[in-house]
Amino acid sequence: MATARTKEAAEKHDDDGYVHDALIDAAEQAEAESGGVRNLFDLRMIIGGLFTFYGIYLTIRGVIDSSAAITQAAGVRINLWTGLAALAMGLAFIAWALLRPLTIDEIVEGQAASVEEEQAHDSLREEREHAARHGGH
């Protein structure tokens, strides 16, 4: 257990009366400075990476397609065009994620909206259950 002296050394009080822990403040500052981990697992990066990978693969396949494969595709280099489109889409997703990274505020805002929707759904369900119980009697 921490002694009162240790607690006072680790915590500082704001004018608002909030208690701040030095370690938590340091972690929050580090997260604010580099959101790299948060943005690494951004869904846009994952989707962009997959589209880019498949786009490169299909583009290479399209370049080395045989004349029989081109004839089979009605004379269109379908692998090449599909690969280029997938590559463009993947790079667009990655550019979007890099140019507009997620912020803590957006994440918290999204979570708050889903919590409010969930609470509204729960209260509506409770009202229906209450009406069903008392309406049938």
N, C-alpha and C. Protein backbone atom coordinates (compact mmCIF):
# COMPACT_ATOMS: atom_id res chain seq x y z
N MET A 1 0.84 -1.19 0.00
CA MET A 1 0.00 0.00 0.00
C MET A 1 0.87 1.24 0.00
N ALA A 2 0.39 2.23 -0.66
CA ALA A 2 1.14 3.47 -0.74
C ALA A 2 0.88 4.31 0.50
N THR A 3 1.90 4.95 0.95
CA THR A 3 1.74 5.84 2.09
C THR A 3 1.18 7.17 1.62
N ALA A 4 0.73 7.98 2.54
CA ALA A 4 0.17 9.28 2.19
C ALA A 4 1.22 10.15 1.51
N ARG A 5 2.46 10.03 1.92
CA ARG A 5 3.53 10.82 1.33
C ARG A 5 3.76 10.40 -0.13
N THR A 6 3.72 9.11 -0.39
CA THR A 6 3.91 8.61 -1.75
C THR A 6 2.74 9.04 -2.64
N LYS A 7 1.53 8.96 -2.10
CA LYS A 7 0.36 9.38 -2.87
C LYS A 7 0.46 10.87 -3.22
N GLU A 8 0.87 11.69 -2.28
CA GLU A 8 0.98 13.12 -2.54
C GLU A 8 2.05 13.40 -3.58
N ALA A 9 3.11 12.62 -3.59
CA ALA A 9 4.18 12.81 -4.56
C ALA A 9 3.73 12.40 -5.95
N ALA A 10 2.88 11.40 -6.05
CA ALA A 10 2.45 10.89 -7.35
C ALA A 10 1.25 11.65 -7.89
N GLU A 11 0.50 12.33 -7.04
CA GLU A 11 -0.71 13.00 -7.48
C GLU A 11 -0.58 14.50 -7.29
N LYS A 12 -1.21 15.25 -8.18
CA LYS A 12 -1.28 16.70 -8.01
C LYS A 12 -2.71 17.13 -8.25
N HIS A 13 -3.12 18.16 -7.58
CA HIS A 13 -4.50 18.64 -7.67
C HIS A 13 -4.56 19.85 -8.59
N ASP A 14 -5.61 19.92 -9.38
CA ASP A 14 -5.87 21.08 -10.23
C ASP A 14 -6.69 22.08 -9.44
N ASP A 15 -6.86 23.25 -10.04
CA ASP A 15 -7.72 24.25 -9.42
C ASP A 15 -9.17 23.79 -9.41
N ASP A 16 -9.51 22.89 -10.35
CA ASP A 16 -10.88 22.39 -10.43
C ASP A 16 -11.18 21.37 -9.35
N GLY A 17 -10.17 20.92 -8.65
CA GLY A 17 -10.36 19.90 -7.64
C GLY A 17 -10.13 18.50 -8.16
N TYR A 18 -9.78 18.36 -9.45
CA TYR A 18 -9.50 17.04 -10.02
C TYR A 18 -8.13 16.57 -9.55
N VAL A 19 -8.03 15.28 -9.34
CA VAL A 19 -6.77 14.69 -8.94
C VAL A 19 -6.13 14.08 -10.18
N HIS A 20 -4.86 14.41 -10.40
CA HIS A 20 -4.13 13.90 -11.55
C HIS A 20 -2.98 13.04 -11.09
N ASP A 21 -2.87 11.88 -11.69
CA ASP A 21 -1.75 11.00 -11.42
C ASP A 21 -0.68 11.30 -12.47
N ALA A 22 0.56 11.42 -12.05
CA ALA A 22 1.64 11.77 -12.96
C ALA A 22 1.82 10.73 -14.05
N LEU A 23 1.70 9.45 -13.72
CA LEU A 23 1.88 8.40 -14.71
C LEU A 23 0.76 8.39 -15.75
N ILE A 24 -0.47 8.60 -15.29
CA ILE A 24 -1.59 8.66 -16.22
C ILE A 24 -1.47 9.87 -17.12
N ASP A 25 -1.09 11.01 -16.55
CA ASP A 25 -0.90 12.21 -17.37
C ASP A 25 0.18 12.00 -18.42
N ALA A 26 1.27 11.33 -18.04
CA ALA A 26 2.35 11.06 -19.00
C ALA A 26 1.87 10.13 -20.11
N ALA A 27 1.09 9.12 -19.76
CA ALA A 27 0.56 8.19 -20.76
C ALA A 27 -0.40 8.90 -21.70
N GLU A 28 -1.26 9.76 -21.17
CA GLU A 28 -2.20 10.49 -22.01
C GLU A 28 -1.47 11.44 -22.94
N GLN A 29 -0.40 12.07 -22.45
CA GLN A 29 0.38 12.97 -23.29
C GLN A 29 1.08 12.20 -24.41
N ALA A 30 1.64 11.05 -24.09
CA ALA A 30 2.30 10.23 -25.10
C ALA A 30 1.32 9.75 -26.16
N GLU A 31 0.11 9.39 -25.74
CA GLU A 31 -0.91 8.94 -26.69
C GLU A 31 -1.35 10.09 -27.58
N ALA A 32 -1.46 11.29 -27.00
CA ALA A 32 -1.87 12.44 -27.80
C ALA A 32 -0.80 12.81 -28.82
N GLU A 33 0.48 12.65 -28.44
CA GLU A 33 1.57 13.00 -29.35
C GLU A 33 1.70 12.03 -30.50
N SER A 34 1.50 10.74 -30.24
CA SER A 34 1.61 9.77 -31.32
C SER A 34 0.44 8.81 -31.25
N GLY A 35 -0.48 8.98 -32.16
CA GLY A 35 -1.62 8.08 -32.23
C GLY A 35 -1.32 6.94 -33.18
N GLY A 36 -0.06 6.55 -33.31
CA GLY A 36 0.37 5.55 -34.27
C GLY A 36 -0.31 4.21 -34.08
N VAL A 37 -0.38 3.73 -32.86
CA VAL A 37 -0.99 2.42 -32.61
C VAL A 37 -2.48 2.48 -32.91
N ARG A 38 -3.11 3.56 -32.51
CA ARG A 38 -4.55 3.70 -32.75
C ARG A 38 -4.82 3.73 -34.25
N ASN A 39 -3.98 4.44 -35.00
CA ASN A 39 -4.19 4.56 -36.44
C ASN A 39 -3.71 3.34 -37.19
N LEU A 40 -2.81 2.56 -36.59
CA LEU A 40 -2.34 1.35 -37.25
C LEU A 40 -3.48 0.35 -37.43
N PHE A 41 -4.34 0.26 -36.46
CA PHE A 41 -5.46 -0.67 -36.52
C PHE A 41 -6.74 0.01 -37.01
N ASP A 42 -6.59 1.16 -37.64
CA ASP A 42 -7.72 1.84 -38.26
C ASP A 42 -8.22 0.96 -39.40
N LEU A 43 -9.51 0.76 -39.47
CA LEU A 43 -10.09 -0.13 -40.47
C LEU A 43 -9.76 0.32 -41.89
N ARG A 44 -9.62 1.63 -42.09
CA ARG A 44 -9.26 2.12 -43.41
C ARG A 44 -7.88 1.64 -43.84
N MET A 45 -6.95 1.54 -42.89
CA MET A 45 -5.61 1.04 -43.22
C MET A 45 -5.65 -0.44 -43.58
N ILE A 46 -6.43 -1.20 -42.86
CA ILE A 46 -6.53 -2.64 -43.12
C ILE A 46 -7.16 -2.88 -44.49
N ILE A 47 -8.27 -2.19 -44.77
CA ILE A 47 -8.94 -2.35 -46.06
C ILE A 47 -8.02 -1.87 -47.18
N GLY A 48 -7.38 -0.72 -46.96
CA GLY A 48 -6.47 -0.19 -47.98
C GLY A 48 -5.30 -1.12 -48.24
N GLY A 49 -4.77 -1.73 -47.20
CA GLY A 49 -3.67 -2.67 -47.37
C GLY A 49 -4.08 -3.89 -48.17
N LEU A 50 -5.26 -4.42 -47.87
CA LEU A 50 -5.74 -5.58 -48.61
C LEU A 50 -6.00 -5.26 -50.09
N PHE A 51 -6.66 -4.13 -50.35
CA PHE A 51 -6.91 -3.75 -51.74
C PHE A 51 -5.60 -3.50 -52.48
N THR A 52 -4.64 -2.87 -51.80
CA THR A 52 -3.35 -2.62 -52.44
C THR A 52 -2.63 -3.93 -52.75
N PHE A 53 -2.63 -4.85 -51.81
CA PHE A 53 -1.98 -6.15 -52.03
C PHE A 53 -2.61 -6.88 -53.22
N TYR A 54 -3.93 -6.99 -53.22
CA TYR A 54 -4.61 -7.69 -54.32
C TYR A 54 -4.47 -6.92 -55.63
N GLY A 55 -4.44 -5.59 -55.55
CA GLY A 55 -4.24 -4.79 -56.75
C GLY A 55 -2.89 -5.03 -57.38
N ILE A 56 -1.85 -5.11 -56.56
CA ILE A 56 -0.51 -5.41 -57.08
C ILE A 56 -0.49 -6.80 -57.71
N TYR A 57 -1.08 -7.76 -57.02
CA TYR A 57 -1.11 -9.14 -57.52
C TYR A 57 -1.83 -9.22 -58.87
N LEU A 58 -3.01 -8.61 -58.95
CA LEU A 58 -3.78 -8.68 -60.20
C LEU A 58 -3.12 -7.90 -61.32
N THR A 59 -2.48 -6.78 -60.99
CA THR A 59 -1.79 -6.01 -62.02
C THR A 59 -0.65 -6.82 -62.62
N ILE A 60 0.12 -7.50 -61.77
CA ILE A 60 1.20 -8.35 -62.27
C ILE A 60 0.63 -9.48 -63.12
N ARG A 61 -0.45 -10.10 -62.64
CA ARG A 61 -1.09 -11.17 -63.43
C ARG A 61 -1.59 -10.64 -64.76
N GLY A 62 -2.13 -9.42 -64.76
CA GLY A 62 -2.65 -8.83 -65.99
C GLY A 62 -1.56 -8.52 -67.00
N VAL A 63 -0.40 -8.12 -66.51
CA VAL A 63 0.71 -7.83 -67.41
C VAL A 63 1.23 -9.11 -68.06
N ILE A 64 1.25 -10.23 -67.32
CA ILE A 64 1.83 -11.47 -67.85
C ILE A 64 0.76 -12.43 -68.37
N ASP A 65 -0.48 -11.97 -68.50
CA ASP A 65 -1.54 -12.84 -69.03
C ASP A 65 -1.19 -13.33 -70.43
N SER A 66 -1.57 -14.55 -70.70
CA SER A 66 -1.34 -15.12 -72.03
C SER A 66 -2.44 -14.62 -72.98
N SER A 67 -2.19 -14.79 -74.24
CA SER A 67 -3.20 -14.37 -75.23
C SER A 67 -4.47 -15.21 -75.11
N ALA A 68 -4.33 -16.47 -74.67
CA ALA A 68 -5.51 -17.32 -74.47
C ALA A 68 -6.39 -16.77 -73.35
N ALA A 69 -5.78 -16.27 -72.27
CA ALA A 69 -6.55 -15.70 -71.16
C ALA A 69 -7.24 -14.42 -71.59
N ILE A 70 -6.57 -13.63 -72.41
CA ILE A 70 -7.17 -12.39 -72.90
C ILE A 70 -8.33 -12.70 -73.84
N THR A 71 -8.16 -13.69 -74.69
CA THR A 71 -9.23 -14.11 -75.60
C THR A 71 -10.43 -14.64 -74.81
N GLN A 72 -10.15 -15.39 -73.77
CA GLN A 72 -11.22 -15.94 -72.94
C GLN A 72 -12.03 -14.83 -72.27
N ALA A 73 -11.38 -13.69 -72.00
CA ALA A 73 -12.06 -12.56 -71.35
C ALA A 73 -12.58 -11.57 -72.38
N ALA A 74 -12.93 -12.05 -73.56
CA ALA A 74 -13.52 -11.24 -74.63
C ALA A 74 -12.57 -10.14 -75.10
N GLY A 75 -11.26 -10.42 -75.06
CA GLY A 75 -10.28 -9.47 -75.56
C GLY A 75 -9.90 -8.37 -74.59
N VAL A 76 -10.38 -8.45 -73.38
CA VAL A 76 -10.10 -7.42 -72.37
C VAL A 76 -9.07 -7.97 -71.39
N ARG A 77 -8.10 -7.16 -71.06
CA ARG A 77 -7.13 -7.55 -70.03
C ARG A 77 -7.78 -7.32 -68.65
N ILE A 78 -8.67 -8.20 -68.28
CA ILE A 78 -9.50 -8.01 -67.08
C ILE A 78 -8.67 -7.99 -65.81
N ASN A 79 -7.63 -8.84 -65.73
CA ASN A 79 -6.79 -8.84 -64.53
C ASN A 79 -6.04 -7.51 -64.39
N LEU A 80 -5.55 -6.98 -65.50
CA LEU A 80 -4.83 -5.72 -65.46
C LEU A 80 -5.73 -4.58 -65.01
N TRP A 81 -6.91 -4.46 -65.62
CA TRP A 81 -7.81 -3.36 -65.28
C TRP A 81 -8.37 -3.49 -63.86
N THR A 82 -8.71 -4.70 -63.48
CA THR A 82 -9.21 -4.91 -62.12
C THR A 82 -8.10 -4.65 -61.11
N GLY A 83 -6.89 -5.06 -61.43
CA GLY A 83 -5.75 -4.82 -60.54
C GLY A 83 -5.47 -3.34 -60.37
N LEU A 84 -5.50 -2.60 -61.47
CA LEU A 84 -5.27 -1.15 -61.38
C LEU A 84 -6.37 -0.46 -60.58
N ALA A 85 -7.61 -0.90 -60.77
CA ALA A 85 -8.71 -0.31 -60.00
C ALA A 85 -8.58 -0.63 -58.51
N ALA A 86 -8.22 -1.87 -58.19
CA ALA A 86 -8.05 -2.26 -56.79
C ALA A 86 -6.86 -1.52 -56.18
N LEU A 87 -5.79 -1.36 -56.95
CA LEU A 87 -4.63 -0.63 -56.47
C LEU A 87 -4.97 0.83 -56.19
N ALA A 88 -5.71 1.46 -57.09
CA ALA A 88 -6.13 2.85 -56.88
C ALA A 88 -7.02 2.97 -55.65
N MET A 89 -7.93 2.03 -55.49
CA MET A 89 -8.83 2.08 -54.33
C MET A 89 -8.06 1.87 -53.03
N GLY A 90 -7.15 0.91 -53.02
CA GLY A 90 -6.35 0.66 -51.82
C GLY A 90 -5.50 1.86 -51.44
N LEU A 91 -4.86 2.47 -52.43
CA LEU A 91 -4.04 3.65 -52.14
C LEU A 91 -4.90 4.82 -51.68
N ALA A 92 -6.12 4.92 -52.20
CA ALA A 92 -7.04 5.98 -51.75
C ALA A 92 -7.43 5.77 -50.29
N PHE A 93 -7.69 4.53 -49.88
CA PHE A 93 -8.02 4.25 -48.49
C PHE A 93 -6.84 4.59 -47.57
N ILE A 94 -5.64 4.20 -47.99
CA ILE A 94 -4.46 4.48 -47.16
C ILE A 94 -4.22 5.98 -47.08
N ALA A 95 -4.36 6.70 -48.20
CA ALA A 95 -4.19 8.16 -48.18
C ALA A 95 -5.23 8.81 -47.27
N TRP A 96 -6.46 8.32 -47.32
CA TRP A 96 -7.53 8.86 -46.47
C TRP A 96 -7.17 8.67 -45.00
N ALA A 97 -6.69 7.50 -44.65
CA ALA A 97 -6.34 7.23 -43.26
C ALA A 97 -5.14 8.07 -42.81
N LEU A 98 -4.19 8.29 -43.70
CA LEU A 98 -3.01 9.08 -43.34
C LEU A 98 -3.30 10.58 -43.29
N LEU A 99 -4.12 11.05 -44.21
CA LEU A 99 -4.42 12.47 -44.26
C LEU A 99 -5.44 12.92 -43.22
N ARG A 100 -6.28 12.00 -42.79
CA ARG A 100 -7.28 12.33 -41.77
C ARG A 100 -7.29 11.24 -40.70
N PRO A 101 -6.26 11.24 -39.84
CA PRO A 101 -6.19 10.19 -38.81
C PRO A 101 -7.29 10.36 -37.77
N LEU A 102 -7.61 9.25 -37.12
CA LEU A 102 -8.61 9.27 -36.07
C LEU A 102 -8.09 10.06 -34.88
N THR A 103 -8.99 10.78 -34.23
CA THR A 103 -8.63 11.49 -33.00
C THR A 103 -9.41 10.88 -31.85
N ILE A 104 -8.92 11.12 -30.66
CA ILE A 104 -9.59 10.62 -29.47
C ILE A 104 -11.02 11.15 -29.41
N ASP A 105 -11.19 12.42 -29.77
CA ASP A 105 -12.52 13.02 -29.71
C ASP A 105 -13.51 12.30 -30.62
N GLU A 106 -13.08 11.94 -31.83
CA GLU A 106 -13.96 11.23 -32.76
C GLU A 106 -14.32 9.85 -32.22
N ILE A 107 -13.35 9.17 -31.63
CA ILE A 107 -13.60 7.84 -31.08
C ILE A 107 -14.59 7.93 -29.93
N VAL A 108 -14.36 8.86 -29.02
CA VAL A 108 -15.24 9.03 -27.86
C VAL A 108 -16.62 9.46 -28.32
N GLU A 109 -16.69 10.34 -29.32
CA GLU A 109 -17.97 10.80 -29.85
C GLU A 109 -18.76 9.63 -30.43
N GLY A 110 -18.07 8.76 -31.16
CA GLY A 110 -18.73 7.59 -31.74
C GLY A 110 -19.22 6.64 -30.68
N GLN A 111 -18.43 6.46 -29.63
CA GLN A 111 -18.84 5.58 -28.54
C GLN A 111 -20.02 6.16 -27.79
N ALA A 112 -20.02 7.48 -27.60
CA ALA A 112 -21.11 8.12 -26.87
C ALA A 112 -22.42 7.97 -27.65
N ALA A 113 -22.34 8.14 -28.95
CA ALA A 113 -23.54 8.00 -29.78
C ALA A 113 -24.09 6.59 -29.69
N SER A 114 -23.21 5.59 -29.74
CA SER A 114 -23.69 4.22 -29.68
C SER A 114 -24.24 3.90 -28.29
N VAL A 115 -23.67 4.47 -27.25
CA VAL A 115 -24.19 4.26 -25.89
C VAL A 115 -25.57 4.88 -25.77
N GLU A 116 -25.74 6.09 -26.31
CA GLU A 116 -27.06 6.74 -26.26
C GLU A 116 -28.10 5.94 -27.04
N GLU A 117 -27.71 5.43 -28.20
CA GLU A 117 -28.64 4.61 -28.99
C GLU A 117 -29.00 3.34 -28.23
N GLU A 118 -28.02 2.75 -27.60
CA GLU A 118 -28.27 1.52 -26.84
C GLU A 118 -29.21 1.79 -25.67
N GLN A 119 -29.00 2.92 -24.98
CA GLN A 119 -29.87 3.27 -23.86
C GLN A 119 -31.29 3.54 -24.34
N ALA A 120 -31.42 4.22 -25.48
CA ALA A 120 -32.75 4.48 -26.03
C ALA A 120 -33.44 3.18 -26.42
N HIS A 121 -32.68 2.26 -27.02
CA HIS A 121 -33.22 0.96 -27.40
C HIS A 121 -33.66 0.17 -26.16
N ASP A 122 -32.85 0.20 -25.10
CA ASP A 122 -33.19 -0.51 -23.87
C ASP A 122 -34.45 0.06 -23.23
N SER A 123 -34.56 1.39 -23.19
CA SER A 123 -35.75 1.98 -22.57
C SER A 123 -37.00 1.67 -23.40
N LEU A 124 -36.89 1.68 -24.73
CA LEU A 124 -38.02 1.33 -25.58
C LEU A 124 -38.43 -0.13 -25.37
N ARG A 125 -37.45 -1.03 -25.25
CA ARG A 125 -37.74 -2.44 -25.01
C ARG A 125 -38.43 -2.62 -23.67
N GLU A 126 -37.95 -1.92 -22.66
CA GLU A 126 -38.56 -2.01 -21.33
C GLU A 126 -40.01 -1.51 -21.36
N GLU A 127 -40.26 -0.43 -22.10
CA GLU A 127 -41.62 0.09 -22.22
C GLU A 127 -42.54 -0.93 -22.89
N ARG A 128 -42.05 -1.57 -23.93
CA ARG A 128 -42.85 -2.58 -24.63
C ARG A 128 -43.14 -3.77 -23.74
N GLU A 129 -42.11 -4.22 -22.99
CA GLU A 129 -42.32 -5.34 -22.08
C GLU A 129 -43.32 -4.97 -20.99
N HIS A 130 -43.21 -3.75 -20.49
CA HIS A 130 -44.13 -3.29 -19.44
C HIS A 130 -45.56 -3.23 -19.99
N ALA A 131 -45.70 -2.71 -21.22
CA ALA A 131 -47.03 -2.62 -21.84
C ALA A 131 -47.60 -4.01 -22.11
N ALA A 132 -46.73 -4.94 -22.52
CA ALA A 132 -47.20 -6.31 -22.81
C ALA A 132 -47.66 -7.01 -21.52
N ARG A 133 -46.93 -6.77 -20.43
CA ARG A 133 -47.31 -7.40 -19.16
C ARG A 133 -48.63 -6.84 -18.64
N HIS A 134 -48.79 -5.53 -18.70
CA HIS A 134 -49.98 -4.91 -18.12
C HIS A 134 -51.13 -4.84 -19.11
N GLY A 135 -50.86 -4.92 -20.40
CA GLY A 135 -51.92 -4.86 -21.40
C GLY A 135 -52.70 -6.16 -21.48
N GLY A 136 -52.03 -7.26 -21.19
CA GLY A 136 -52.67 -8.57 -21.29
C GLY A 136 -53.55 -8.90 -20.11
N HIS A 137 -53.45 -8.15 -19.02
CA HIS A 137 -54.24 -8.46 -17.82
C HIS A 137 -55.46 -7.64 -17.70
